[in-house]
Amino acid sequence: MWVVATAGHVDHGKSTLVRALTGMEPDRWAEERRRGMTIDLGFAWTTLPSGGTVAFVDVPGHERFVPNMLAGVGPVPAALIVVAADEGWMPQSAEHLAALDALGVAYGLLVVTRADLADPEPAEARARAEVAATALGDVETVTVSAVTGAGLPRLRAALDRLAARLPAPDPTGPVRLWVDRSFTIRGSGTVVTGTLGAGRLRVGDELELAATGETVRVRGLQSLGVARPEVAAVARVAVNLRGTPRDRLARGDALLAPGRFRGTDLVDVRLTGDPAADLPATLTLHVGSAAVPAHVRPLGPDTVRLRLARPLPLLVGDRALLRDPGRRHVAGGVTVLDVAPPPLSRRGAAAARAAVLAVLDGRPDLAGELRRRHLIRAEDLIRMGVPVAGTPVAGDWLADPDHWARLGARLVEEVARHAREHPLEPGTPVETLRQRLGLPDRALVEALVRAPLRVHAGRVTAAARDSLPEPVARAVRRIRAEYGDRPFRAPEADRLADLGLGPREIGAAVRAGALLKLAENVVLLPDALDDAVRVLAGLPQPFTLSAARQALDTTRRVAVPLLELLDRRGATRRLPDDARVVVTAQP
C-alpha cells in the first residue's frame, strides 16, 4: 500500500477527484456534504493498474482548517497538489505547498482539475513554477476533469509511477503511529486511526501511549476496511485498543513501540524559512498529527531552541514545521537536531551551543553524540533515534574513547592525590572518585580501574603500599628496637598511644606489612607468625595454651589470639581437649 495526501486551495476539487478515483465518499461528516466543503480529514483508497493499492488522505483546503490539513499531511510521504484550471494558483495553494516543503515532502504529482471549465495551461504553468522551487522539484503533471472523467486513466498511471519512486519503508523500524482520529465502536471499545510510516503492528502487541507512558494492548487491526492479524508500513491502519477509554487518546497523540522513544519538551532544531531572529516568541509546532505551542529562542542564524507546551515523542532527524496561527503563516520547516539538549545557564552558552548546532545535519551520528555527550546510556541513545553499536564500558554506558582515556588518567591522579592527603586511609572511596570525576554511576569508576590500581571493599588503591608516612614508620622502628629480642611481647595500649599509633595508624602499618595485628591494640612484628610456628613445633605434641605461652615467653593477652590466628591459617590444629598440634612447620 502507498499513502498519498491531497493539498490545494478550497473548492479546487480535491474531494471530487478522490471520489472519482476511488468511488468512495471521503467527506465523512453530513455537514461537509451539505456545505460541499471538506472540514476534517477524509480517507479513501483504490487499486492502481499495477495491482497496488493507494490510500488517500483528503485534507480540507479552507484557511480556517489548515491545522486539520497539517494533521493529515504530517505522517504521509507523498502528495497530490491540486489546482483548478478555472481559478489557478490561490492563497491556500501557496500555504499548502509551503507546508509540504517545510515538512520535506519530496514526492508528489501536480493535478490540474476542472479542465472542462477552462484552458488548463495557464494554471499548469504557474503551478509548475511554484512547485519546482520546493523540495518536490519538477513533478509530473496531469490534467483531468473529474466530471467528464478525462485524464483519470493518465492520473492512475502517474500514481503508479509515483508509487514506484517512493522509498521503501523500514519494516523493522520502531512504531510511532500519530493518531488522526479517535472514536468508539459499540462492543469493541476505543479505535484510533493513523498512517503507519515504519515498522509493523500485530494483534496482541503492547504499545505505549505517548501522552502518559502507560501500556496498551492491540485488540484488533484493520487496514482499508479489512481485519488483519498484522499490518506493515506504509499503511493506513485502524487500531482497536483493549480496555483503553476514548478520552485517553485524541488527535496529536501517538502509539509507540515500547522503549524506543522519549517524550521531550525541549528540542534544538534547524530552521528553513524565515530567519531565526525574525521569529515571534511563540509559534505552533506541527509534527505528525500533533500541533503544540512552542516558545522560540533563536540560537544561530538558522537554529533555534523550542520549549514545547507538552512533551512529544521526537527523534533526531524528524521533520516538522513552525506556523504562526495568528498570521496564518508557515514560518518554516524544522529538522530536529537534538531531543535532549544541554541547559543554557552560563554566559555565552547560547553562542557556544549555536556553534555546535551549526555542524549538525539531523542525521543520527553515534560517534558525534558520544563526542558531544562524553557518556550516555545506550537506552537513551536508542530513544533519541541514534543507532547503537560497539561495546559499553560499564553496564549499558557508552563512552567517547578520548574522554574515557582522559578519565582513566584523571582517576590515577585522584587516587594519588587522595593517598597524599589521607595517607592512613586504605585507598580512595569509589564514591569520592565518582564525585571528583563528575561521573553519574559508581560502576563507571570501577570500570576505569587498571593495574596497578585495584578495587577492594569499596575503595580504589594501589595493589601494594610500599611506604608509610614518616611518623608511622618511625613508630614501627621504635617497636622493632624495643621488641626485636622479645618478638612475642606486644606493646600495651598506652605505649602504642605514646608512639602515636592509633587505630588508623595501626591499620596503615598492617596494610603495608610493617605490623601484624592479632586483636584490638595487640600487634606484633610481621615475622612473628613464622617464628611462633618454629618454636611451637619444638614442643612435645600436643601442647597446651600454658605450654605455648611459656615457650613463646609471652602473656595470655598475646598467646590466645596468636594461637587462634595460627588455627585459622592451618599452621596448628585445635583438639577436642583444647590442646593443639603443629600441622605444618614453617621454614
Protein backbone atom coordinates (compact mmCIF):
# COMPACT_ATOMS: atom_id res chain seq x y z
CA MET A 1 0.00 0.00 0.00
CA TRP A 2 1.01 3.60 -0.64
CA VAL A 3 -0.43 6.62 1.14
CA VAL A 4 -0.85 9.99 -0.56
CA ALA A 5 -2.32 13.22 0.82
CA THR A 6 -4.15 15.84 -1.17
CA ALA A 7 -3.21 19.52 -0.98
CA GLY A 8 -4.63 22.67 -2.50
CA HIS A 9 -6.98 25.61 -2.23
CA VAL A 10 -10.55 25.23 -1.02
CA ASP A 11 -13.06 24.19 -3.70
CA HIS A 12 -10.42 23.18 -6.23
CA GLY A 13 -11.86 19.69 -6.45
CA LYS A 14 -9.66 17.61 -4.15
CA SER A 15 -12.52 15.57 -2.69
CA THR A 16 -14.24 15.32 -6.04
CA LEU A 17 -11.03 13.96 -7.53
CA VAL A 18 -10.62 11.37 -4.75
CA ARG A 19 -14.26 10.38 -5.18
CA ALA A 20 -13.77 9.93 -8.93
CA LEU A 21 -10.62 7.84 -8.45
CA THR A 22 -11.92 5.59 -5.69
CA GLY A 23 -15.71 5.56 -5.93
CA MET A 24 -15.72 6.32 -2.20
CA GLU A 25 -17.02 9.37 -0.32
CA PRO A 26 -14.07 10.97 1.55
CA ASP A 27 -16.22 13.56 3.33
CA ARG A 28 -17.32 11.75 6.48
CA TRP A 29 -19.49 14.42 8.06
CA ALA A 30 -23.02 15.34 6.98
CA GLU A 31 -22.05 18.99 7.42
CA GLU A 32 -19.22 18.53 4.91
CA ARG A 33 -21.54 17.03 2.34
CA ARG A 34 -24.22 19.69 2.95
CA ARG A 35 -21.76 22.56 2.53
CA GLY A 36 -19.78 20.88 -0.24
CA MET A 37 -16.56 21.70 1.64
CA THR A 38 -14.13 19.40 3.44
CA ILE A 39 -13.73 20.36 7.08
CA ASP A 40 -11.80 17.44 8.53
CA LEU A 41 -9.66 14.63 7.19
CA GLY A 42 -11.19 12.13 4.80
CA PHE A 43 -9.92 8.71 3.75
CA ALA A 44 -10.44 6.57 0.65
CA TRP A 45 -8.49 4.06 -1.41
CA THR A 46 -8.33 2.37 -4.79
CA THR A 47 -6.42 -0.26 -6.76
CA LEU A 48 -3.96 1.04 -9.38
CA PRO A 49 -3.31 -0.50 -12.81
CA SER A 50 -0.24 -2.29 -11.42
CA GLY A 51 -2.39 -4.02 -8.84
CA GLY A 52 -1.03 -1.97 -5.96
CA THR A 53 -3.27 -0.04 -3.59
CA VAL A 54 -3.11 3.68 -2.94
CA ALA A 55 -4.86 5.24 0.05
CA PHE A 56 -5.71 8.93 0.02
CA VAL A 57 -5.77 11.28 2.99
CA ASP A 58 -8.08 14.03 1.78
CA VAL A 59 -7.41 17.32 3.57
CA PRO A 60 -9.51 20.49 3.90
CA GLY A 61 -8.48 23.45 1.76
CA HIS A 62 -10.05 26.31 3.67
CA GLU A 63 -7.64 28.57 5.55
CA ARG A 64 -9.58 28.06 8.80
CA PHE A 65 -8.80 24.33 8.71
CA VAL A 66 -5.06 24.40 8.00
CA PRO A 67 -4.29 22.65 11.34
CA ASN A 68 -6.52 19.77 10.21
CA MET A 69 -4.73 19.70 6.87
CA LEU A 70 -1.34 19.55 8.59
CA ALA A 71 -2.50 16.70 10.83
CA GLY A 72 -3.21 14.67 7.70
CA VAL A 73 -0.12 15.60 5.72
CA GLY A 74 2.39 15.29 8.57
CA PRO A 75 2.93 11.49 8.54
CA VAL A 76 2.38 11.00 4.77
CA PRO A 77 5.30 10.52 2.30
CA ALA A 78 3.71 11.92 -0.89
CA ALA A 79 1.15 14.48 -2.03
CA LEU A 80 -1.27 15.30 -4.84
CA ILE A 81 -1.15 19.06 -5.34
CA VAL A 82 -4.48 20.06 -6.83
CA VAL A 83 -5.04 23.30 -8.73
CA ALA A 84 -8.27 24.21 -10.54
CA ALA A 85 -7.89 25.27 -14.18
CA ASP A 86 -10.56 27.96 -13.85
CA GLU A 87 -9.07 29.61 -10.74
CA GLY A 88 -5.34 28.92 -10.94
CA TRP A 89 -2.86 29.46 -8.14
CA MET A 90 -4.55 30.71 -4.94
CA PRO A 91 -3.52 31.65 -1.37
CA GLN A 92 -4.17 28.21 0.12
CA SER A 93 -2.34 26.62 -2.79
CA ALA A 94 0.69 28.58 -1.63
CA GLU A 95 0.25 27.80 2.08
CA HIS A 96 -0.29 24.11 1.47
CA LEU A 97 2.76 23.96 -0.77
CA ALA A 98 4.80 25.84 1.85
CA ALA A 99 3.70 23.28 4.42
CA LEU A 100 4.71 20.36 2.19
CA ASP A 101 8.07 21.99 1.54
CA ALA A 102 8.61 22.66 5.26
CA LEU A 103 7.86 19.02 6.06
CA GLY A 104 10.34 17.88 3.43
CA VAL A 105 7.78 16.06 1.27
CA ALA A 106 9.78 15.27 -1.88
CA TYR A 107 7.38 13.03 -3.80
CA GLY A 108 4.19 14.13 -5.49
CA LEU A 109 2.09 14.87 -8.54
CA LEU A 110 0.57 18.11 -9.79
CA VAL A 111 -3.05 17.64 -10.86
CA VAL A 112 -4.86 20.43 -12.74
CA THR A 113 -8.58 19.83 -12.23
CA ARG A 114 -11.73 21.19 -13.82
CA ALA A 115 -10.09 21.13 -17.24
CA ASP A 116 -13.62 21.08 -18.70
CA LEU A 117 -14.22 24.62 -17.40
CA ALA A 118 -11.12 26.49 -18.60
CA ASP A 119 -7.87 26.21 -20.52
CA PRO A 120 -5.57 24.36 -18.05
CA GLU A 121 -2.27 25.65 -19.48
CA PRO A 122 -2.02 28.99 -17.57
CA ALA A 123 -2.84 27.31 -14.24
CA GLU A 124 -0.41 24.49 -15.00
CA ALA A 125 2.46 26.83 -15.93
CA ARG A 126 2.11 28.90 -12.75
CA ALA A 127 1.71 25.85 -10.53
CA ARG A 128 4.69 24.02 -12.03
CA ALA A 129 6.89 27.07 -11.42
CA GLU A 130 5.74 27.32 -7.79
CA VAL A 131 6.23 23.61 -7.10
CA ALA A 132 9.62 23.47 -8.80
CA ALA A 133 11.02 25.92 -6.24
CA THR A 134 10.31 23.47 -3.38
CA ALA A 135 11.56 20.08 -2.22
CA LEU A 136 9.13 18.49 -4.69
CA GLY A 137 11.03 19.86 -7.67
CA ASP A 138 9.89 19.21 -11.22
CA VAL A 139 6.87 16.97 -10.63
CA GLU A 140 4.85 15.10 -13.23
CA THR A 141 1.67 16.97 -14.17
CA VAL A 142 -1.70 15.50 -15.16
CA THR A 143 -4.72 17.45 -16.41
CA VAL A 144 -8.12 15.97 -15.52
CA SER A 145 -11.82 16.57 -15.30
CA ALA A 146 -13.48 14.63 -12.53
CA VAL A 147 -16.85 15.42 -14.05
CA THR A 148 -16.17 14.04 -17.56
CA GLY A 149 -13.51 11.54 -16.49
CA ALA A 150 -10.97 12.97 -18.91
CA GLY A 151 -7.40 12.34 -17.77
CA LEU A 152 -8.29 9.94 -14.95
CA PRO A 153 -6.61 6.93 -16.63
CA ARG A 154 -3.45 9.02 -17.10
CA LEU A 155 -3.62 10.04 -13.43
CA ARG A 156 -3.91 6.41 -12.32
CA ALA A 157 -0.85 5.54 -14.41
CA ALA A 158 1.01 8.55 -12.96
CA LEU A 159 0.13 7.37 -9.44
CA ASP A 160 1.68 4.01 -10.30
CA ARG A 161 4.87 5.75 -11.43
CA LEU A 162 4.86 7.87 -8.26
CA ALA A 163 4.46 4.77 -6.11
CA ALA A 164 7.43 3.13 -7.84
CA ARG A 165 9.64 6.09 -6.86
CA LEU A 166 8.70 6.17 -3.19
CA PRO A 167 11.43 4.95 -0.82
CA ALA A 168 10.81 1.55 0.71
CA PRO A 169 9.62 1.77 4.32
CA ASP A 170 11.61 0.20 7.12
CA PRO A 171 9.56 -2.79 8.32
CA THR A 172 11.86 -3.23 11.32
CA GLY A 173 11.69 0.39 12.44
CA PRO A 174 10.02 1.40 15.70
CA VAL A 175 6.29 2.01 15.51
CA ARG A 176 5.17 5.60 16.03
CA LEU A 177 1.55 5.90 14.93
CA TRP A 178 0.37 9.51 15.08
CA VAL A 179 -3.34 9.46 15.87
CA ASP A 180 -5.55 11.44 13.47
CA ARG A 181 -8.91 10.01 14.60
CA SER A 182 -10.20 8.50 17.84
CA PHE A 183 -13.69 7.05 18.28
CA THR A 184 -15.64 4.29 19.97
CA ILE A 185 -17.35 1.30 18.35
CA ARG A 186 -20.10 -0.38 20.34
CA GLY A 187 -18.89 -3.76 21.51
CA SER A 188 -15.28 -3.09 20.52
CA GLY A 189 -14.21 -0.06 22.52
CA THR A 190 -11.72 2.60 21.50
CA VAL A 191 -10.38 2.74 17.95
CA VAL A 192 -7.70 5.10 16.67
CA THR A 193 -6.51 5.61 13.10
CA GLY A 194 -3.31 6.90 11.57
CA THR A 195 -0.70 6.44 8.88
CA LEU A 196 1.87 3.81 9.82
CA GLY A 197 5.13 5.12 8.37
CA ALA A 198 7.54 2.48 9.65
CA GLY A 199 7.54 -0.83 11.47
CA ARG A 200 4.83 -3.43 11.86
CA LEU A 201 1.75 -3.76 14.05
CA ARG A 202 0.33 -7.11 15.20
CA VAL A 203 -2.74 -8.09 17.14
CA GLY A 204 -1.64 -8.62 20.74
CA ASP A 205 1.21 -6.09 20.57
CA GLU A 206 1.87 -3.91 23.57
CA LEU A 207 2.36 -0.21 22.84
CA GLU A 208 2.94 2.90 24.90
CA LEU A 209 0.73 5.98 24.95
CA ALA A 210 2.96 8.95 24.20
CA ALA A 211 0.95 11.26 26.43
CA THR A 212 1.13 9.17 29.60
CA GLY A 213 3.64 6.37 29.02
CA GLU A 214 1.07 3.76 30.05
CA THR A 215 0.96 0.43 28.25
CA VAL A 216 -1.95 -0.53 25.99
CA ARG A 217 -2.61 -3.73 24.04
CA VAL A 218 -3.77 -4.07 20.44
CA ARG A 219 -7.10 -5.91 20.42
CA GLY A 220 -7.65 -5.75 16.67
CA LEU A 221 -6.34 -4.21 13.45
CA GLN A 222 -7.98 -3.05 10.25
CA SER A 223 -6.49 -1.67 7.07
CA LEU A 224 -8.68 -0.45 4.19
CA GLY A 225 -11.73 -1.78 5.99
CA VAL A 226 -10.42 -5.36 6.33
CA ALA A 227 -9.50 -7.02 9.63
CA ARG A 228 -5.88 -8.18 9.62
CA PRO A 229 -3.62 -10.01 12.08
CA GLU A 230 -0.78 -7.63 11.26
CA VAL A 231 -0.12 -4.50 9.20
CA ALA A 232 3.26 -3.37 7.85
CA ALA A 233 4.27 0.16 6.82
CA VAL A 234 3.37 2.16 4.85
CA ALA A 235 -0.35 1.80 5.55
CA ARG A 236 -3.49 3.43 6.76
CA VAL A 237 -4.47 1.47 9.84
CA ALA A 238 -7.22 1.40 12.45
CA VAL A 239 -6.18 0.06 15.85
CA ASN A 240 -8.69 -1.29 18.36
CA LEU A 241 -7.23 -0.91 21.85
CA ARG A 242 -8.17 -3.24 24.68
CA GLY A 243 -9.58 -1.59 27.80
CA THR A 244 -8.49 1.95 26.89
CA PRO A 245 -11.07 4.72 27.42
CA ARG A 246 -11.54 7.02 24.45
CA ASP A 247 -10.69 10.10 26.49
CA ARG A 248 -7.12 8.81 26.91
CA LEU A 249 -6.36 9.45 23.22
CA ALA A 250 -7.02 12.26 20.76
CA ARG A 251 -5.61 13.67 17.56
CA GLY A 252 -1.97 14.57 18.12
CA ASP A 253 -1.29 11.67 20.48
CA ALA A 254 0.79 8.70 19.34
CA LEU A 255 1.08 4.97 19.88
CA LEU A 256 4.72 3.99 20.37
CA ALA A 257 6.90 0.91 20.32
CA PRO A 258 7.90 0.35 23.98
CA GLY A 259 11.37 1.57 24.91
CA ARG A 260 12.08 3.30 21.59
CA PHE A 261 11.01 6.91 22.26
CA ARG A 262 11.26 9.50 24.99
CA GLY A 263 8.93 12.41 25.46
CA THR A 264 10.73 15.74 25.27
CA ASP A 265 9.53 19.30 25.69
CA LEU A 266 12.89 20.86 24.78
CA VAL A 267 14.48 20.49 21.34
CA ASP A 268 17.14 22.21 19.26
CA VAL A 269 16.24 22.44 15.58
CA ARG A 270 17.47 23.81 12.27
CA LEU A 271 15.03 26.16 10.56
CA THR A 272 14.49 26.63 6.82
CA GLY A 273 12.28 29.60 6.04
CA ASP A 274 12.12 32.83 7.98
CA PRO A 275 15.37 34.00 9.64
CA ALA A 276 15.55 32.77 13.20
CA ALA A 277 15.96 36.29 14.55
CA ASP A 278 12.64 37.36 12.95
CA LEU A 279 10.52 34.65 14.56
CA PRO A 280 7.90 35.66 17.14
CA ALA A 281 8.34 34.41 20.69
CA THR A 282 5.61 31.80 20.31
CA LEU A 283 4.68 29.64 17.33
CA THR A 284 2.89 26.33 16.82
CA LEU A 285 4.96 23.25 16.07
CA HIS A 286 3.24 20.78 13.74
CA VAL A 287 4.71 17.28 13.66
CA GLY A 288 2.88 14.10 12.75
CA SER A 289 -0.72 14.84 13.66
CA ALA A 290 0.27 17.00 16.65
CA ALA A 291 0.06 20.77 16.95
CA VAL A 292 1.78 22.13 20.06
CA PRO A 293 2.55 25.73 21.09
CA ALA A 294 6.29 26.34 21.30
CA HIS A 295 8.35 29.10 22.87
CA VAL A 296 11.10 30.08 20.44
CA ARG A 297 14.65 31.02 21.43
CA PRO A 298 16.94 31.84 18.49
CA LEU A 299 20.48 30.49 18.83
CA GLY A 300 22.13 30.94 15.44
CA PRO A 301 21.03 32.37 12.07
CA ASP A 302 19.08 29.19 11.29
CA THR A 303 18.99 27.32 14.62
CA VAL A 304 16.52 27.74 17.45
CA ARG A 305 15.59 26.12 20.74
CA LEU A 306 11.93 25.21 21.15
CA ARG A 307 10.28 24.74 24.53
CA LEU A 308 7.07 22.84 23.89
CA ALA A 309 3.82 23.20 25.83
CA ARG A 310 3.74 19.42 26.23
CA PRO A 311 6.25 16.62 25.60
CA LEU A 312 6.30 14.91 22.20
CA PRO A 313 7.98 11.63 21.13
CA LEU A 314 10.57 13.16 18.82
CA LEU A 315 13.71 11.67 17.27
CA VAL A 316 16.85 13.19 15.83
CA GLY A 317 16.17 13.89 12.16
CA ASP A 318 12.40 14.36 12.48
CA ARG A 319 10.86 16.92 10.13
CA ALA A 320 8.22 19.37 11.36
CA LEU A 321 7.05 22.90 10.66
CA LEU A 322 6.52 26.09 12.61
CA ARG A 323 3.39 28.10 11.89
CA ASP A 324 2.13 31.42 13.13
CA PRO A 325 -1.62 30.80 13.53
CA GLY A 326 -2.36 34.48 14.06
CA ARG A 327 -0.90 35.48 10.70
CA ARG A 328 -1.81 32.11 9.11
CA HIS A 329 1.79 31.94 8.02
CA VAL A 330 4.20 28.99 7.73
CA ALA A 331 7.36 30.33 9.35
CA GLY A 332 9.43 27.42 8.08
CA GLY A 333 10.33 23.81 8.29
CA VAL A 334 12.47 22.40 11.06
CA THR A 335 14.82 19.45 11.29
CA VAL A 336 15.26 18.10 14.81
CA LEU A 337 18.95 18.18 15.76
CA ASP A 338 18.83 17.30 19.47
CA VAL A 339 15.99 15.98 21.62
CA ALA A 340 17.99 16.18 24.87
CA PRO A 341 19.90 19.46 24.64
CA PRO A 342 22.05 20.83 27.47
CA PRO A 343 20.88 23.77 29.59
CA LEU A 344 21.94 27.28 28.60
CA SER A 345 22.59 28.65 32.06
CA ARG A 346 26.01 30.29 31.69
CA ARG A 347 27.05 33.46 29.95
CA GLY A 348 27.99 32.67 26.37
CA ALA A 349 26.28 29.27 26.46
CA ALA A 350 23.82 30.16 23.68
CA ALA A 351 26.60 31.25 21.31
CA ALA A 352 28.61 28.12 22.09
CA ARG A 353 25.56 25.98 21.50
CA ALA A 354 24.91 27.68 18.16
CA ALA A 355 28.44 26.77 17.08
CA VAL A 356 27.80 23.12 17.95
CA LEU A 357 24.47 23.05 16.11
CA ALA A 358 25.96 24.72 13.04
CA VAL A 359 27.75 21.49 12.07
CA LEU A 360 24.84 19.11 12.76
CA ASP A 361 22.65 17.95 9.89
CA GLY A 362 19.95 15.98 11.67
CA ARG A 363 21.34 12.60 10.69
CA PRO A 364 21.81 10.30 13.71
CA ASP A 365 25.55 10.02 14.42
CA LEU A 366 26.73 7.74 17.23
CA ALA A 367 30.35 8.94 17.24
CA GLY A 368 29.24 12.58 17.24
CA GLU A 369 26.76 12.07 20.06
CA LEU A 370 29.43 10.35 22.17
CA ARG A 371 31.91 13.11 21.42
CA ARG A 372 29.42 15.79 22.50
CA ARG A 373 27.93 13.96 25.49
CA HIS A 374 31.06 12.06 26.62
CA LEU A 375 28.99 9.41 28.44
CA ILE A 376 25.45 8.23 27.77
CA ARG A 377 23.38 5.11 28.25
CA ALA A 378 22.66 3.03 25.16
CA GLU A 379 18.96 3.08 26.02
CA ASP A 380 18.93 6.88 25.95
CA LEU A 381 20.58 6.95 22.53
CA ILE A 382 18.04 4.48 21.16
CA ARG A 383 15.19 6.64 22.47
CA MET A 384 16.77 9.62 20.71
CA GLY A 385 16.77 7.76 17.40
CA VAL A 386 20.52 7.10 17.30
CA PRO A 387 21.52 3.55 16.28
CA VAL A 388 23.80 1.96 18.84
CA ALA A 389 26.85 -0.16 18.05
CA GLY A 390 30.01 -1.01 19.98
CA THR A 391 30.67 -2.35 23.44
CA PRO A 392 29.58 -0.46 26.57
CA VAL A 393 32.32 0.50 29.03
CA ALA A 394 30.15 -0.48 32.00
CA GLY A 395 26.56 -1.73 32.18
CA ASP A 396 24.86 -0.05 29.22
CA TRP A 397 27.07 3.06 29.39
CA LEU A 398 28.80 4.10 26.17
CA ALA A 399 31.74 6.48 26.22
CA ASP A 400 33.65 8.64 23.80
CA PRO A 401 37.05 6.89 23.53
CA ASP A 402 39.11 10.06 24.04
CA HIS A 403 37.04 11.16 27.01
CA TRP A 404 37.29 7.67 28.53
CA ALA A 405 41.08 7.76 28.22
CA ARG A 406 41.19 11.18 29.90
CA LEU A 407 39.03 9.88 32.73
CA GLY A 408 41.41 6.97 33.25
CA ALA A 409 44.36 9.35 33.59
CA ARG A 410 42.44 11.57 35.98
CA LEU A 411 41.49 8.55 38.09
CA VAL A 412 45.17 7.72 38.64
CA GLU A 413 45.83 11.34 39.62
CA GLU A 414 42.90 11.47 42.03
CA VAL A 415 43.92 8.21 43.74
CA ALA A 416 47.46 9.54 44.19
CA ARG A 417 46.14 12.86 45.45
CA HIS A 418 43.89 11.16 47.99
CA ALA A 419 46.78 8.99 49.18
CA ARG A 420 48.87 12.11 49.79
CA GLU A 421 46.07 13.91 51.61
CA HIS A 422 44.90 10.84 53.58
CA PRO A 423 47.95 8.61 53.92
CA LEU A 424 46.41 6.44 56.63
CA GLU A 425 43.27 5.51 54.66
CA PRO A 426 43.18 2.21 52.76
CA GLY A 427 42.66 3.82 49.33
CA THR A 428 40.14 6.26 47.88
CA PRO A 429 36.40 5.59 48.30
CA VAL A 430 34.72 4.84 44.98
CA GLU A 431 32.02 7.41 45.76
CA THR A 432 34.64 10.10 46.31
CA LEU A 433 36.17 9.34 42.92
CA ARG A 434 32.73 9.37 41.28
CA GLN A 435 32.13 12.88 42.59
CA ARG A 436 35.60 14.18 41.71
CA LEU A 437 35.38 12.83 38.17
CA GLY A 438 31.79 14.03 37.73
CA LEU A 439 30.53 10.56 36.81
CA PRO A 440 26.84 9.56 37.01
CA ASP A 441 27.40 5.96 38.13
CA ARG A 442 29.81 4.23 40.54
CA ALA A 443 30.13 1.37 38.06
CA LEU A 444 31.98 3.74 35.73
CA VAL A 445 34.65 4.35 38.39
CA GLU A 446 35.23 0.63 38.84
CA ALA A 447 35.39 0.15 35.05
CA LEU A 448 38.17 2.75 34.83
CA VAL A 449 40.45 0.94 37.29
CA ARG A 450 43.52 -0.60 35.68
CA ALA A 451 46.59 -2.24 37.22
CA PRO A 452 48.44 -1.39 39.39
CA LEU A 453 45.24 0.06 40.88
CA ARG A 454 42.57 -2.25 42.22
CA VAL A 455 39.11 -2.04 43.79
CA HIS A 456 38.66 -3.59 47.22
CA ALA A 457 35.92 -3.10 49.78
CA GLY A 458 34.54 -0.02 48.01
CA ARG A 459 37.91 1.70 47.69
CA VAL A 460 40.46 2.14 44.93
CA THR A 461 44.08 1.70 45.91
CA ALA A 462 47.43 0.58 44.58
CA ALA A 463 47.98 -3.18 44.62
CA ALA A 464 50.67 -2.65 47.26
CA ARG A 465 51.66 0.23 49.52
CA ASP A 466 55.47 0.35 49.73
CA SER A 467 55.87 3.25 52.11
CA LEU A 468 54.36 4.62 55.28
CA PRO A 469 54.01 8.19 56.47
CA GLU A 470 57.17 9.06 58.34
CA PRO A 471 55.53 9.34 61.80
CA VAL A 472 54.10 5.83 61.44
CA ALA A 473 57.35 4.42 60.03
CA ARG A 474 59.25 5.97 62.95
CA ALA A 475 56.85 4.42 65.49
CA VAL A 476 57.27 0.98 63.85
CA ARG A 477 61.07 1.32 64.06
CA ARG A 478 60.74 2.08 67.78
CA ILE A 479 58.65 -1.07 68.28
CA ARG A 480 61.21 -3.16 66.38
CA ALA A 481 64.03 -1.71 68.50
CA GLU A 482 62.18 -2.32 71.77
CA TYR A 483 60.72 -5.73 71.00
CA GLY A 484 63.12 -7.21 68.44
CA ASP A 485 64.59 -9.56 71.02
CA ARG A 486 61.15 -10.32 72.50
CA PRO A 487 59.16 -10.99 69.30
CA PHE A 488 56.10 -12.38 71.13
CA ARG A 489 55.68 -9.50 73.53
CA ALA A 490 53.17 -6.80 72.42
CA PRO A 491 53.23 -3.13 73.43
CA GLU A 492 50.47 -2.16 75.84
CA ALA A 493 47.75 0.23 74.68
CA ASP A 494 49.26 3.21 76.48
CA ARG A 495 52.65 2.54 74.87
CA LEU A 496 51.03 2.43 71.44
CA ALA A 497 49.36 5.75 72.22
CA ASP A 498 52.69 7.23 73.33
CA LEU A 499 54.17 6.18 69.99
CA GLY A 500 51.29 7.84 68.11
CA LEU A 501 49.80 4.57 66.88
CA GLY A 502 46.02 4.87 66.94
CA PRO A 503 43.62 2.61 65.04
CA ARG A 504 44.17 4.38 61.69
CA GLU A 505 47.96 4.35 62.02
CA ILE A 506 47.96 0.68 63.02
CA GLY A 507 45.71 -0.10 60.06
CA ALA A 508 48.11 1.64 57.66
CA ALA A 509 51.10 -0.25 59.12
CA VAL A 510 49.26 -3.58 58.86
CA ARG A 511 48.30 -2.91 55.22
CA ALA A 512 51.92 -2.06 54.47
CA GLY A 513 53.09 -5.31 56.11
CA ALA A 514 55.00 -3.47 58.83
CA LEU A 515 52.95 -4.82 61.76
CA LEU A 516 50.82 -7.90 62.45
CA LYS A 517 47.51 -7.23 64.19
CA LEU A 518 46.20 -10.02 66.44
CA ALA A 519 43.37 -8.17 68.21
CA GLU A 520 42.37 -4.66 69.21
CA ASN A 521 45.56 -2.92 70.41
CA VAL A 522 47.53 -6.21 70.18
CA VAL A 523 50.23 -6.01 67.50
CA LEU A 524 53.44 -7.92 66.82
CA LEU A 525 56.22 -7.60 64.30
CA PRO A 526 55.25 -9.19 60.95
CA ASP A 527 57.63 -12.21 61.12
CA ALA A 528 56.19 -13.32 64.47
CA LEU A 529 53.93 -15.98 62.94
CA ASP A 530 56.68 -17.95 61.25
CA ASP A 531 58.87 -17.70 64.37
CA ALA A 532 55.97 -18.88 66.55
CA VAL A 533 55.39 -22.00 64.44
CA ARG A 534 59.06 -22.96 64.67
CA VAL A 535 59.03 -22.56 68.48
CA LEU A 536 55.80 -24.48 68.89
CA ALA A 537 56.99 -27.30 66.63
CA GLY A 538 59.79 -27.94 69.16
CA LEU A 539 57.30 -28.64 71.96
CA PRO A 540 56.06 -32.15 72.81
CA GLN A 541 52.91 -32.62 70.72
CA PRO A 542 50.15 -31.94 71.54
CA PHE A 543 50.74 -28.86 73.67
CA THR A 544 48.55 -26.69 75.89
CA LEU A 545 47.97 -22.96 75.88
CA SER A 546 50.06 -22.67 79.03
CA ALA A 547 52.96 -24.56 77.45
CA ALA A 548 52.78 -22.39 74.37
CA ARG A 549 52.70 -19.18 76.42
CA GLN A 550 55.81 -20.23 78.37
CA ALA A 551 57.71 -21.38 75.26
CA LEU A 552 56.94 -18.10 73.49
CA ASP A 553 57.73 -16.05 76.60
CA THR A 554 54.54 -14.02 76.28
CA THR A 555 51.30 -13.25 78.05
CA ARG A 556 47.86 -14.75 77.74
CA ARG A 557 46.76 -11.45 76.11
CA VAL A 558 49.04 -12.31 73.16
CA ALA A 559 49.05 -16.12 73.22
CA VAL A 560 45.28 -16.61 72.85
CA PRO A 561 44.76 -14.51 69.66
CA LEU A 562 48.12 -15.72 68.28
CA LEU A 563 47.13 -19.39 68.52
CA GLU A 564 43.66 -18.64 67.12
CA LEU A 565 45.26 -16.96 64.11
CA LEU A 566 47.56 -19.96 63.60
CA ASP A 567 44.50 -22.24 63.77
CA ARG A 568 42.72 -20.17 61.06
CA ARG A 569 45.77 -20.32 58.83
CA GLY A 570 46.09 -24.07 59.24
CA ALA A 571 49.53 -23.98 60.90
CA THR A 572 48.09 -25.51 64.07
CA ARG A 573 45.04 -27.62 64.81
CA ARG A 574 42.97 -27.40 67.96
CA LEU A 575 41.97 -30.72 69.51
CA PRO A 576 38.74 -31.52 71.40
CA ASP A 577 40.52 -31.16 74.77
CA ASP A 578 41.77 -27.67 73.72
CA ALA A 579 45.34 -28.90 73.24
CA ARG A 580 46.96 -28.20 69.85
CA VAL A 581 49.38 -29.77 67.42
CA VAL A 582 51.55 -28.12 64.79
CA VAL A 583 50.34 -29.10 61.34
CA THR A 584 52.98 -27.50 59.21
CA ALA A 585 56.34 -26.34 60.43
CA GLN A 586 57.22 -23.06 58.75
CA PRO A 587 60.80 -22.87 57.41
